[in-house]
């Protein structure tokens, strides 16, 4: 059950039980006004006496019939004796009903059964286990007794009215029979049947009147209950309301004192670094919280016990039992979470774990633990139940993310850009002058190549004609290398050039190809394509200065491959 629904049910039960107690135990004012509300006029008293006389006559008639039937049993055979016994049982039941109706009519709708004490001898050991719940059930029963009785009486009145119509139709049918030509035995039998129907008609009529009288009494009592609602509210305030307020004040006061005591101790205690000390501190803290809850609960129960309110005490114990059963059901999960709080679980503070495809370090362990990535903005808060499903390992100095803000990247889809922002959810990259956003996990799937972190290399394959084969192995590579070093220096990349490699690569189908590899520092990452164009431009300039021929097919193909790069501005 939802806690709010349970609280609403408890409050309704308390109010109803208090109202029931108010009606069951009227105060002096109610006793003083009772004669005005329950006493009837002289005409009503005379009508009541007539009803009592009618019921008394019906009782004497039923008793006389029982005596006659008992006399007939002595001379009856076996079959007739069974029928007579059945009739006697029915008459005895009607006598009991008439006796109860006589008592209710004389006492203005109150029956002696309301004073009977329930027999507890039928309770066995299983029912004794639920003995603690009996005050709650008794309060519910008392609170709903009158509405249930009113509903039963209305149903009984409708049934008696239908039965009265049936009996009246039966009597009319018997009265319309022509008995002048019937044999004497038939006439005698019809007379007995008619007498039985008249008797049943009178019994139903008396029962109907008794039910109506009792219904009027209960409805009048209900009206008195509405009039005395203020008194009921006053009694609730001085009774259970005061008990609840006292319990609330005691619980809040004790909780406040314990909280202030914890703050006082925490202020004087010196904090010590270390995960082991943090785990012990966390254990002491949660143990203190648990002790506080136990002490506050005992204080509330003590208030209920001292005030002698069995209903509130029973409700509190039932709530504690339900809470204990719930805790027992989820005990394995709680044990797992306690191990996490003690930094002895699969996920430990300060270690590295993978969550939703991203690496994080466990920054703090608490009811809501915090995960951080040093290279990403923002944090992730996880409840202990979610963190219990993960496993961590010690950090070995691995990078937390392939890039940082400001780095230049080359993605697997061919995009080249600069990182503008990266959080635990999104990564913004400037591509061709416009920002593009990626989900962080999807961004890692693009296998970004970071040109700024550890530097990068540019590879260019350049070819010359076969007519220069005599100088192709030594003179050509050295000339290219010297020219490229000067070009890098003139373009401002001399300090960032780590290594320059110019070697003969292969004898192609139409050209002698050379491999040119420039290893650059990450500071020149923004000029990645500009450096590639610089190498191409320098090689062409050397060929023009030396008079080396560039094969046409190779030149056309090479220009087609680098046309897109030439259109992209540097940086």
Protein backbone atom coordinates (compact mmCIF):
# COMPACT_ATOMS: atom_id res chain seq x y z
CA UNK A 1 0.00 0.00 0.00
CA UNK A 2 1.22 3.50 -0.74
CA UNK A 3 2.36 5.41 2.42
CA UNK A 4 -0.05 8.29 1.76
CA UNK A 5 -3.00 5.91 1.30
CA UNK A 6 -1.99 4.07 4.51
CA UNK A 7 -1.79 7.35 6.42
CA UNK A 8 -5.21 8.44 5.12
CA UNK A 9 -6.72 5.10 6.15
CA UNK A 10 -5.20 5.39 9.64
CA UNK A 11 -6.55 8.93 10.12
CA UNK A 12 -10.01 7.87 8.93
CA UNK A 13 -9.92 4.91 11.29
CA UNK A 14 -8.98 7.13 14.22
CA UNK A 15 -11.77 9.60 13.50
CA UNK A 16 -14.36 6.87 12.97
CA UNK A 17 -13.35 5.00 16.10
CA UNK A 18 -13.49 8.22 18.12
CA UNK A 19 -16.93 9.00 16.72
CA UNK A 20 -18.03 5.47 17.52
CA UNK A 21 -16.75 5.81 21.07
CA UNK A 22 -18.58 9.11 21.33
CA UNK A 23 -21.88 7.50 20.34
CA UNK A 24 -21.29 4.43 22.48
CA UNK A 25 -20.34 6.51 25.59
CA UNK A 26 -22.50 9.62 25.67
CA UNK A 27 -21.38 12.41 27.94
CA UNK A 28 -23.46 14.19 30.53
CA UNK A 29 -24.83 16.69 28.03
CA UNK A 30 -26.01 13.91 25.80
CA UNK A 31 -27.65 12.17 28.76
CA UNK A 32 -29.43 15.37 29.68
CA UNK A 33 -30.80 15.81 26.16
CA UNK A 34 -31.65 12.12 25.72
CA UNK A 35 -35.17 12.38 27.17
CA UNK A 36 -35.93 15.16 24.70
CA UNK A 37 -34.73 13.16 21.69
CA UNK A 38 -35.85 9.60 22.64
CA UNK A 39 -39.08 10.17 24.55
CA UNK A 40 -42.17 10.24 22.43
CA UNK A 41 -45.46 11.94 22.84
CA UNK A 42 -48.40 10.38 24.65
CA UNK A 43 -49.83 9.15 21.35
CA UNK A 44 -46.56 7.49 20.49
CA UNK A 45 -46.51 5.77 23.87
CA UNK A 46 -50.03 4.48 23.38
CA UNK A 47 -49.08 3.19 19.92
CA UNK A 48 -46.06 1.46 21.42
CA UNK A 49 -48.25 -0.19 24.06
CA UNK A 50 -50.62 -1.43 21.36
CA UNK A 51 -47.68 -2.92 19.49
CA UNK A 52 -46.47 -4.59 22.66
CA UNK A 53 -49.90 -6.05 23.30
CA UNK A 54 -50.11 -7.34 19.73
CA UNK A 55 -46.67 -8.96 19.96
CA UNK A 56 -47.56 -10.40 23.37
CA UNK A 57 -50.75 -11.92 21.96
CA UNK A 58 -48.82 -13.38 19.04
CA UNK A 59 -46.35 -14.89 21.50
CA UNK A 60 -49.10 -16.53 23.55
CA UNK A 61 -50.68 -17.85 20.38
CA UNK A 62 -47.38 -19.39 19.21
CA UNK A 63 -46.76 -20.94 22.59
CA UNK A 64 -50.25 -22.41 22.62
CA UNK A 65 -49.61 -23.88 19.19
CA UNK A 66 -46.38 -25.43 20.44
CA UNK A 67 -48.23 -27.03 23.36
CA UNK A 68 -50.88 -28.42 21.03
CA UNK A 69 -48.24 -29.84 18.69
CA UNK A 70 -46.46 -31.45 21.63
CA UNK A 71 -49.71 -33.15 22.61
CA UNK A 72 -50.18 -34.40 19.04
CA UNK A 73 -46.71 -35.95 18.96
CA UNK A 74 -47.71 -38.49 21.61
CA UNK A 75 -50.32 -40.08 19.33
CA UNK A 76 -48.68 -39.42 15.90
CA UNK A 77 -46.87 -41.96 13.77
CA UNK A 78 -43.29 -41.68 12.59
CA UNK A 79 -44.01 -39.59 9.48
CA UNK A 80 -46.35 -37.21 11.27
CA UNK A 81 -43.88 -36.88 14.17
CA UNK A 82 -41.17 -35.55 11.82
CA UNK A 83 -43.53 -32.96 10.38
CA UNK A 84 -44.64 -31.94 13.86
CA UNK A 85 -41.04 -31.60 15.04
CA UNK A 86 -40.29 -29.37 12.07
CA UNK A 87 -43.33 -27.19 12.83
CA UNK A 88 -42.33 -26.95 16.49
CA UNK A 89 -38.80 -25.84 15.50
CA UNK A 90 -40.22 -23.17 13.21
CA UNK A 91 -42.60 -21.96 15.93
CA UNK A 92 -39.79 -21.80 18.47
CA UNK A 93 -37.71 -19.73 16.06
CA UNK A 94 -40.65 -17.34 15.56
CA UNK A 95 -41.12 -17.18 19.33
CA UNK A 96 -37.50 -16.07 19.69
CA UNK A 97 -37.94 -13.47 16.98
CA UNK A 98 -41.12 -12.13 18.59
CA UNK A 99 -39.43 -12.05 21.98
CA UNK A 100 -36.57 -10.00 20.53
CA UNK A 101 -39.04 -7.73 18.76
CA UNK A 102 -40.92 -7.24 22.05
CA UNK A 103 -37.68 -6.27 23.81
CA UNK A 104 -36.63 -3.87 21.05
CA UNK A 105 -40.06 -2.22 20.93
CA UNK A 106 -40.13 -1.81 24.69
CA UNK A 107 -36.56 -0.43 24.83
CA UNK A 108 -36.96 1.93 21.84
CA UNK A 109 -34.99 -0.23 19.39
CA UNK A 110 -32.24 -1.41 21.80
CA UNK A 111 -31.70 -5.14 22.13
CA UNK A 112 -30.22 -7.07 25.03
CA UNK A 113 -27.85 -8.70 22.55
CA UNK A 114 -25.84 -5.48 22.44
CA UNK A 115 -24.82 -6.18 26.06
CA UNK A 116 -23.66 -9.71 25.42
CA UNK A 117 -19.90 -10.36 25.75
CA UNK A 118 -18.24 -12.25 22.92
CA UNK A 119 -16.93 -15.65 23.85
CA UNK A 120 -13.18 -15.94 23.27
CA UNK A 121 -13.05 -19.68 23.83
CA UNK A 122 -13.10 -20.38 20.07
CA UNK A 123 -9.75 -18.63 19.46
CA UNK A 124 -6.97 -21.09 18.75
CA UNK A 125 -3.21 -20.52 18.71
CA UNK A 126 -3.30 -19.21 15.15
CA UNK A 127 -5.78 -16.53 16.10
CA UNK A 128 -3.69 -15.66 19.13
CA UNK A 129 -0.89 -14.65 16.77
CA UNK A 130 -3.20 -11.98 15.40
CA UNK A 131 -4.30 -10.85 18.88
CA UNK A 132 -2.43 -7.62 18.48
CA UNK A 133 -4.64 -6.66 15.55
CA UNK A 134 -7.90 -7.12 17.45
CA UNK A 135 -8.14 -3.51 18.74
CA UNK A 136 -7.88 -2.27 15.16
CA UNK A 137 -10.49 -4.72 13.93
CA UNK A 138 -12.79 -3.93 16.87
CA UNK A 139 -12.54 -0.23 16.11
CA UNK A 140 -13.35 -0.84 12.46
CA UNK A 141 -16.27 -3.05 13.41
CA UNK A 142 -17.64 -0.51 15.89
CA UNK A 143 -17.19 2.32 13.41
CA UNK A 144 -19.09 0.47 10.68
CA UNK A 145 -21.64 -1.40 12.83
CA UNK A 146 -24.47 1.11 12.52
CA UNK A 147 -24.15 1.71 8.76
CA UNK A 148 -24.10 -2.05 8.23
CA UNK A 149 -27.11 -2.53 10.51
CA UNK A 150 -29.05 0.20 8.69
CA UNK A 151 -28.31 -1.48 5.35
CA UNK A 152 -29.41 -4.85 6.76
CA UNK A 153 -32.64 -3.38 8.10
CA UNK A 154 -33.49 -1.76 4.77
CA UNK A 155 -32.90 -5.06 3.02
CA UNK A 156 -35.00 -6.84 5.63
CA UNK A 157 -37.85 -4.32 5.24
CA UNK A 158 -37.89 -4.82 1.46
CA UNK A 159 -37.95 -8.61 1.96
CA UNK A 160 -40.79 -8.40 4.52
CA UNK A 161 -42.80 -6.16 2.20
CA UNK A 162 -42.47 -8.67 -0.62
CA UNK A 163 -43.36 -11.52 1.72
CA UNK A 164 -46.36 -9.59 3.02
CA UNK A 165 -47.66 -9.13 -0.54
CA UNK A 166 -47.24 -12.86 -1.22
CA UNK A 167 -49.09 -13.77 1.98
CA UNK A 168 -51.88 -11.29 1.15
CA UNK A 169 -52.31 -12.79 -2.34
CA UNK A 170 -52.40 -16.27 -0.87
CA UNK A 171 -55.13 -15.27 1.63
CA UNK A 172 -57.15 -13.62 -1.17
CA UNK A 173 -56.89 -16.79 -3.24
CA UNK A 174 -58.08 -18.94 -0.31
CA UNK A 175 -60.97 -16.55 0.40
CA UNK A 176 -62.20 -16.79 -3.20
CA UNK A 177 -62.48 -20.59 -3.13
CA UNK A 178 -66.06 -21.98 -3.05
CA UNK A 179 -66.06 -24.33 -0.08
CA UNK A 180 -69.83 -25.08 0.03
CA UNK A 181 -69.61 -28.08 -2.27
CA UNK A 182 -66.26 -29.32 -1.00
CA UNK A 183 -66.07 -32.39 1.24
CA UNK A 184 -65.65 -31.73 4.97
CA UNK A 185 -62.08 -33.08 4.97
CA UNK A 186 -61.07 -30.65 2.25
CA UNK A 187 -62.81 -27.77 4.00
CA UNK A 188 -61.01 -28.63 7.22
CA UNK A 189 -57.68 -28.82 5.40
CA UNK A 190 -58.30 -25.50 3.66
CA UNK A 191 -59.14 -23.94 7.00
CA UNK A 192 -55.78 -25.14 8.36
CA UNK A 193 -53.96 -23.76 5.36
CA UNK A 194 -55.73 -20.43 5.71
CA UNK A 195 -54.91 -20.30 9.41
CA UNK A 196 -51.23 -20.97 8.62
CA UNK A 197 -51.16 -18.18 6.03
CA UNK A 198 -52.89 -15.74 8.40
CA UNK A 199 -50.41 -16.66 11.11
CA UNK A 200 -47.50 -16.15 8.72
CA UNK A 201 -49.03 -12.87 7.52
CA UNK A 202 -49.24 -11.59 11.09
CA UNK A 203 -45.66 -12.67 11.83
CA UNK A 204 -44.33 -10.90 8.75
CA UNK A 205 -46.31 -7.81 9.65
CA UNK A 206 -44.91 -7.76 13.18
CA UNK A 207 -41.37 -8.30 11.92
CA UNK A 208 -41.84 -5.50 9.38
CA UNK A 209 -43.03 -3.10 12.07
CA UNK A 210 -40.16 -4.07 14.34
CA UNK A 211 -37.61 -3.49 11.56
CA UNK A 212 -39.13 -0.12 10.73
CA UNK A 213 -39.04 0.92 14.38
CA UNK A 214 -35.40 -0.09 14.70
CA UNK A 215 -34.52 1.70 11.45
CA UNK A 216 -36.20 4.90 12.67
CA UNK A 217 -34.28 4.63 15.93
CA UNK A 218 -30.91 4.19 14.15
CA UNK A 219 -31.61 7.03 11.73
CA UNK A 220 -32.55 9.28 14.63
CA UNK A 221 -29.34 8.24 16.38
CA UNK A 222 -27.45 9.03 13.18
CA UNK A 223 -28.96 12.51 13.20
CA UNK A 224 -27.87 12.90 16.82
CA UNK A 225 -24.38 11.79 15.80
CA UNK A 226 -24.21 14.55 13.19
CA UNK A 227 -25.36 17.05 15.78
CA UNK A 228 -22.71 15.93 18.26
CA UNK A 229 -19.87 15.92 15.72
CA UNK A 230 -18.36 18.91 17.48
CA UNK A 231 -18.27 16.98 20.73
CA UNK A 232 -16.66 14.06 18.92
CA UNK A 233 -14.00 16.33 17.46
CA UNK A 234 -13.37 17.82 20.90
CA UNK A 235 -13.02 14.36 22.40
CA UNK A 236 -10.65 13.34 19.59
CA UNK A 237 -8.47 16.39 20.22
CA UNK A 238 -8.27 15.67 23.95
CA UNK A 239 -7.89 11.94 23.38
CA UNK A 240 -6.07 10.46 20.43
CA UNK A 241 -5.28 13.86 18.96
CA UNK A 242 -3.36 14.81 22.08
CA UNK A 243 -1.66 11.40 22.06
CA UNK A 244 -0.58 11.81 18.44
CA UNK A 245 0.64 15.35 19.10
CA UNK A 246 2.61 14.19 22.14
CA UNK A 247 4.18 11.36 20.17
CA UNK A 248 5.05 13.74 17.32
CA UNK A 249 6.63 16.28 19.67
CA UNK A 250 8.61 13.58 21.47
CA UNK A 251 9.88 12.07 18.21
CA UNK A 252 10.83 15.41 16.62
CA UNK A 253 12.50 16.66 19.81
CA UNK A 254 14.57 13.48 20.23
CA UNK A 255 15.55 13.51 16.54
CA UNK A 256 16.63 17.16 16.80
CA UNK A 257 18.70 16.46 19.93
CA UNK A 258 20.43 13.49 18.31
CA UNK A 259 21.11 15.51 15.17
CA UNK A 260 22.62 18.38 17.12
CA UNK A 261 24.74 15.90 19.07
CA UNK A 262 26.06 14.44 15.80
CA UNK A 263 26.92 17.90 14.50
CA UNK A 264 28.71 18.73 17.75
CA UNK A 265 30.80 15.57 17.57
CA UNK A 266 31.51 16.06 13.86
CA UNK A 267 32.68 19.63 14.46
CA UNK A 268 35.22 18.57 17.08
CA UNK A 269 36.48 15.49 15.26
CA UNK A 270 39.47 16.03 13.01
CA UNK A 271 39.03 14.76 9.48
CA UNK A 272 41.68 12.29 8.31
CA UNK A 273 42.43 11.51 4.68
CA UNK A 274 42.29 8.06 3.21
CA UNK A 275 39.59 5.81 1.79
CA UNK A 276 39.74 3.42 4.76
CA UNK A 277 39.07 6.25 7.22
CA UNK A 278 36.28 7.55 5.00
CA UNK A 279 34.65 4.09 4.96
CA UNK A 280 34.80 3.84 8.77
CA UNK A 281 33.37 7.32 9.11
CA UNK A 282 30.56 6.46 6.74
CA UNK A 283 29.81 3.26 8.70
CA UNK A 284 29.66 5.18 11.98
CA UNK A 285 27.42 7.80 10.39
CA UNK A 286 24.87 5.33 9.06
CA UNK A 287 25.01 3.35 12.28
CA UNK A 288 24.21 6.54 14.18
CA UNK A 289 21.29 7.24 11.83
CA UNK A 290 19.95 3.73 12.45
CA UNK A 291 20.28 4.18 16.22
CA UNK A 292 18.44 7.51 15.96
CA UNK A 293 15.55 5.88 14.10
CA UNK A 294 15.31 3.12 16.72
CA UNK A 295 15.33 5.60 19.62
CA UNK A 296 12.70 7.84 18.00
CA UNK A 297 10.48 4.81 17.32
CA UNK A 298 10.79 3.68 20.95
CA UNK A 299 9.92 7.19 22.12
CA UNK A 300 6.74 7.25 20.02
CA UNK A 301 5.70 3.77 21.24
CA UNK A 302 6.39 4.82 24.82
CA UNK A 303 4.02 7.77 24.45
CA UNK A 304 1.28 5.47 23.16
CA UNK A 305 1.92 3.04 26.02
CA UNK A 306 1.92 5.69 28.75
CA UNK A 307 -1.25 7.25 27.36
CA UNK A 308 -2.87 3.81 27.29
CA UNK A 309 -4.08 4.07 23.70
CA UNK A 310 -4.21 0.44 22.63
CA UNK A 311 -5.43 1.26 19.12
CA UNK A 312 -2.53 3.59 18.29
CA UNK A 313 -0.06 1.18 19.88
CA UNK A 314 -1.46 -1.70 17.82
CA UNK A 315 -1.36 0.33 14.60
CA UNK A 316 2.25 1.33 15.28
CA UNK A 317 3.30 -2.25 15.98
CA UNK A 318 1.54 -3.50 12.83
CA UNK A 319 3.32 -0.82 10.80
CA UNK A 320 6.67 -1.88 12.30
CA UNK A 321 5.96 -5.54 11.53
CA UNK A 322 5.12 -4.68 7.90
CA UNK A 323 8.29 -2.60 7.69
CA UNK A 324 10.36 -5.45 9.14
CA UNK A 325 8.89 -7.90 6.62
CA UNK A 326 9.73 -5.51 3.78
CA UNK A 327 13.27 -5.07 5.07
CA UNK A 328 13.69 -8.84 5.35
CA UNK A 329 12.52 -9.27 1.77
CA UNK A 330 15.10 -6.81 0.45
CA UNK A 331 17.81 -7.77 2.93
CA UNK A 332 20.25 -9.21 0.32
CA UNK A 333 20.13 -5.96 -1.63
CA UNK A 334 20.69 -3.96 1.56
CA UNK A 335 23.69 -6.11 2.48
CA UNK A 336 25.17 -5.49 -0.96
CA UNK A 337 24.66 -1.75 -0.58
CA UNK A 338 26.23 -1.79 2.89
CA UNK A 339 29.31 -3.47 1.41
CA UNK A 340 29.48 -0.69 -1.17
CA UNK A 341 29.24 1.96 1.53
CA UNK A 342 32.10 0.26 3.38
CA UNK A 343 34.16 0.38 0.16
CA UNK A 344 34.32 -3.43 0.12
CA UNK A 345 32.10 -4.15 -2.87
CA UNK A 346 32.72 -4.70 -6.55
CA UNK A 347 32.77 -0.93 -7.16
CA UNK A 348 35.15 1.04 -4.95
CA UNK A 349 35.84 4.70 -4.41
CA UNK A 350 38.73 6.15 -6.42
CA UNK A 351 38.75 3.34 -8.98
CA UNK A 352 37.88 3.33 -12.66
CA UNK A 353 34.70 1.84 -14.14
CA UNK A 354 32.80 1.88 -17.43
CA UNK A 355 29.27 3.31 -17.35
CA UNK A 356 27.22 3.57 -20.55
CA UNK A 357 30.35 3.09 -22.63
CA UNK A 358 32.36 5.89 -20.94
CA UNK A 359 35.16 5.62 -18.37
CA UNK A 360 34.52 7.23 -14.98
CA UNK A 361 36.18 7.40 -11.62
CA UNK A 362 34.08 6.89 -8.48
CA UNK A 363 34.50 10.26 -6.82
CA UNK A 364 32.33 9.53 -3.76
CA UNK A 365 30.29 6.66 -2.31
CA UNK A 366 26.96 7.58 -0.72
CA UNK A 367 23.25 6.95 -1.08
CA UNK A 368 23.77 8.75 -4.40
CA UNK A 369 27.34 8.19 -5.56
CA UNK A 370 29.12 10.62 -7.89
CA UNK A 371 30.99 9.53 -11.02
CA UNK A 372 33.41 11.91 -12.75
CA UNK A 373 35.52 11.93 -15.87
CA UNK A 374 38.45 14.37 -15.55
CA UNK A 375 38.24 15.27 -19.24
CA UNK A 376 34.45 15.75 -19.40
CA UNK A 377 32.24 18.43 -17.92
CA UNK A 378 29.53 17.40 -15.47
CA UNK A 379 29.04 14.47 -13.10
CA UNK A 380 26.80 11.41 -12.99
CA UNK A 381 24.86 10.61 -9.79
CA UNK A 382 23.95 6.96 -9.34
CA UNK A 383 21.91 5.36 -6.56
CA UNK A 384 23.53 2.51 -4.70
CA UNK A 385 21.22 -0.01 -6.34
CA UNK A 386 22.53 0.98 -9.79
CA UNK A 387 26.15 1.20 -8.66
CA UNK A 388 25.88 -2.32 -7.20
CA UNK A 389 25.50 -3.69 -10.73
CA UNK A 390 28.89 -2.27 -11.82
CA UNK A 391 32.48 -3.30 -11.16
CA UNK A 392 35.55 -1.08 -10.96
CA UNK A 393 39.32 -1.60 -11.21
CA UNK A 394 42.38 0.41 -10.16
CA UNK A 395 43.45 3.26 -12.42
CA UNK A 396 46.61 2.48 -14.43
CA UNK A 397 47.16 5.93 -15.91
CA UNK A 398 45.07 5.38 -19.03
CA UNK A 399 43.63 8.40 -20.83
CA UNK A 400 40.09 9.24 -19.76
CA UNK A 401 39.02 10.61 -23.15
CA UNK A 402 40.71 10.81 -26.55
CA UNK A 403 40.63 14.62 -26.68
CA UNK A 404 40.18 17.85 -24.78
CA UNK A 405 38.59 21.19 -25.59
CA UNK A 406 40.62 22.95 -28.30
CA UNK A 407 42.13 19.79 -29.81
CA UNK A 408 41.98 19.17 -33.55
CA UNK A 409 40.55 15.82 -34.63
CA UNK A 410 40.30 13.70 -37.71
CA UNK A 411 37.26 11.39 -37.49
CA UNK A 412 36.78 8.04 -39.17
CA UNK A 413 34.00 9.49 -41.35
CA UNK A 414 36.51 11.96 -42.85
CA UNK A 415 35.47 15.04 -40.85
CA UNK A 416 38.22 17.36 -39.60
CA UNK A 417 37.43 19.80 -36.82
CA UNK A 418 38.21 21.38 -33.48
CA UNK A 419 36.59 20.37 -30.16
CA UNK A 420 34.47 23.19 -28.75
CA UNK A 421 32.90 21.46 -25.73
CA UNK A 422 32.69 17.95 -24.29
CA UNK A 423 30.43 16.82 -21.45
CA UNK A 424 29.26 13.48 -20.11
CA UNK A 425 26.35 13.67 -22.56
CA UNK A 426 27.40 15.63 -25.69
CA UNK A 427 30.52 16.58 -27.67
CA UNK A 428 30.52 19.72 -29.87
CA UNK A 429 33.01 19.82 -32.74
CA UNK A 430 33.57 22.67 -35.21
CA UNK A 431 33.58 21.09 -38.70
CA UNK A 432 33.99 23.28 -41.79
CA UNK A 433 33.22 26.36 -39.70
CA UNK A 434 29.96 25.04 -38.18
CA UNK A 435 29.46 23.30 -34.79
CA UNK A 436 28.29 19.67 -34.94
CA UNK A 437 27.04 17.79 -31.87
CA UNK A 438 27.56 14.11 -31.16
CA UNK A 439 26.36 11.95 -28.30
CA UNK A 440 29.46 11.20 -26.24
CA UNK A 441 29.15 7.43 -26.60
CA UNK A 442 28.54 7.78 -30.38
CA UNK A 443 31.50 10.13 -30.65
CA UNK A 444 33.81 7.41 -29.35
CA UNK A 445 32.51 5.06 -32.03
CA UNK A 446 33.95 7.43 -34.69
CA UNK A 447 37.49 6.57 -33.47
CA UNK A 448 38.68 10.19 -33.36
CA UNK A 449 42.34 10.73 -34.30
CA UNK A 450 43.70 13.45 -32.05
CA UNK A 451 46.21 15.56 -33.99
CA UNK A 452 46.94 17.92 -31.09
CA UNK A 453 47.78 15.61 -28.21
CA UNK A 454 50.86 13.62 -29.37
CA UNK A 455 51.46 15.17 -32.78
CA UNK A 456 50.68 13.80 -36.23
CA UNK A 457 52.24 12.79 -39.52
CA UNK A 458 51.57 13.80 -43.12
CA UNK A 459 52.32 11.33 -45.92
CA UNK A 460 52.68 12.41 -49.56
CA UNK A 461 53.65 10.22 -52.51
CA UNK A 462 55.24 12.21 -55.36
CA UNK A 463 56.59 10.87 -58.66
CA UNK A 464 58.97 12.02 -61.45
CA UNK A 465 59.57 10.71 -64.97
CA UNK A 466 61.76 7.65 -65.72
CA UNK A 467 64.18 9.80 -67.74
CA UNK A 468 65.70 10.93 -64.41
CA UNK A 469 66.47 7.37 -63.34
CA UNK A 470 70.24 7.98 -63.04
CA UNK A 471 69.80 10.52 -60.22
CA UNK A 472 66.67 9.02 -58.68
CA UNK A 473 68.28 7.18 -55.72
CA UNK A 474 70.49 9.86 -54.14
CA UNK A 475 70.30 13.27 -55.76
CA UNK A 476 66.51 13.54 -56.04
CA UNK A 477 65.67 12.56 -52.41
CA UNK A 478 68.35 14.86 -51.00
CA UNK A 479 67.16 17.76 -53.16
CA UNK A 480 63.53 17.23 -52.07
CA UNK A 481 64.56 17.03 -48.41
CA UNK A 482 66.61 20.23 -48.48
CA UNK A 483 63.86 22.14 -50.25
CA UNK A 484 61.18 20.87 -47.87
CA UNK A 485 63.15 21.84 -44.75
CA UNK A 486 63.56 25.36 -46.12
CA UNK A 487 59.84 25.49 -47.04
CA UNK A 488 58.75 24.39 -43.55
CA UNK A 489 61.02 26.96 -41.99
CA UNK A 490 59.78 29.76 -44.25
CA UNK A 491 56.12 28.81 -43.55
CA UNK A 492 56.64 28.95 -39.77
CA UNK A 493 56.54 25.20 -39.17
CA UNK A 494 60.27 24.72 -38.62
CA UNK A 495 60.03 24.45 -34.83
CA UNK A 496 57.15 21.97 -35.06
CA UNK A 497 58.82 19.68 -37.59
CA UNK A 498 60.03 16.65 -35.62
CA UNK A 499 61.23 14.48 -38.46
CA UNK A 500 61.25 14.60 -42.25
CA UNK A 501 61.65 11.43 -44.27
CA UNK A 502 62.17 11.43 -48.09
CA UNK A 503 62.86 8.03 -49.63
CA UNK A 504 62.44 6.26 -52.91
CA UNK A 505 59.26 4.25 -52.61
CA UNK A 506 58.64 2.28 -55.78
CA UNK A 507 58.98 2.26 -59.54
CA UNK A 508 55.46 2.81 -60.68
CA UNK A 509 53.85 2.11 -64.02
CA UNK A 510 54.59 5.60 -65.32
CA UNK A 511 56.72 7.29 -62.66
CA UNK A 512 59.42 6.91 -60.04
CA UNK A 513 57.55 7.42 -56.77
CA UNK A 514 58.97 8.96 -53.59
CA UNK A 515 57.53 8.68 -50.06
CA UNK A 516 57.57 11.94 -48.13
CA UNK A 517 56.63 11.72 -44.43
CA UNK A 518 56.62 14.79 -42.19
CA UNK A 519 56.22 14.17 -38.41
CA UNK A 520 54.78 17.30 -36.81
CA UNK A 521 54.20 18.57 -33.29
CA UNK A 522 50.57 18.95 -32.12
CA UNK A 523 50.85 22.73 -32.14
CA UNK A 524 50.51 22.63 -35.95
CA UNK A 525 47.41 20.44 -35.95
CA UNK A 526 45.23 23.26 -37.27
CA UNK A 527 47.37 23.30 -40.46
CA UNK A 528 47.06 19.59 -41.18
CA UNK A 529 45.83 20.02 -44.76
CA UNK A 530 47.97 23.15 -45.28
CA UNK A 531 51.12 21.11 -44.55
CA UNK A 532 50.06 18.49 -47.07
CA UNK A 533 49.56 21.20 -49.67
CA UNK A 534 52.91 22.76 -48.73
CA UNK A 535 54.70 19.46 -49.44
CA UNK A 536 52.99 19.11 -52.81
CA UNK A 537 53.74 22.70 -53.77
CA UNK A 538 57.39 22.44 -52.74
CA UNK A 539 57.93 19.24 -54.75
CA UNK A 540 56.44 20.81 -57.88
CA UNK A 541 58.64 23.91 -57.40
CA UNK A 542 61.76 21.71 -57.12
CA UNK A 543 60.83 19.90 -60.34
CA UNK A 544 60.41 23.18 -62.15
CA UNK A 545 63.72 24.53 -60.83
CA UNK A 546 65.64 21.34 -61.65
CA UNK A 547 63.90 20.71 -64.94
CA UNK A 548 62.51 17.39 -63.83
CA UNK A 549 59.53 16.10 -65.75
CA UNK A 550 56.39 15.14 -63.89
CA UNK A 551 54.55 12.33 -65.75
CA UNK A 552 51.21 13.45 -67.07
CA UNK A 553 49.04 10.49 -65.91
CA UNK A 554 50.53 10.63 -62.43
CA UNK A 555 50.14 14.36 -62.26
CA UNK A 556 46.51 14.29 -63.36
CA UNK A 557 45.58 11.53 -60.93
CA UNK A 558 47.46 13.18 -58.08
CA UNK A 559 45.77 16.53 -58.71
CA UNK A 560 42.35 14.83 -58.69
CA UNK A 561 43.09 13.29 -55.28
CA UNK A 562 44.25 16.55 -53.74
CA UNK A 563 41.76 18.91 -55.37
CA UNK A 564 39.42 18.82 -52.38
CA UNK A 565 42.24 19.47 -49.93
CA UNK A 566 43.42 22.49 -51.94
CA UNK A 567 39.96 24.04 -51.76
CA UNK A 568 39.98 23.88 -47.94
CA UNK A 569 41.61 26.98 -46.39
CA UNK A 570 44.40 26.49 -43.89
CA UNK A 571 43.25 26.30 -40.29
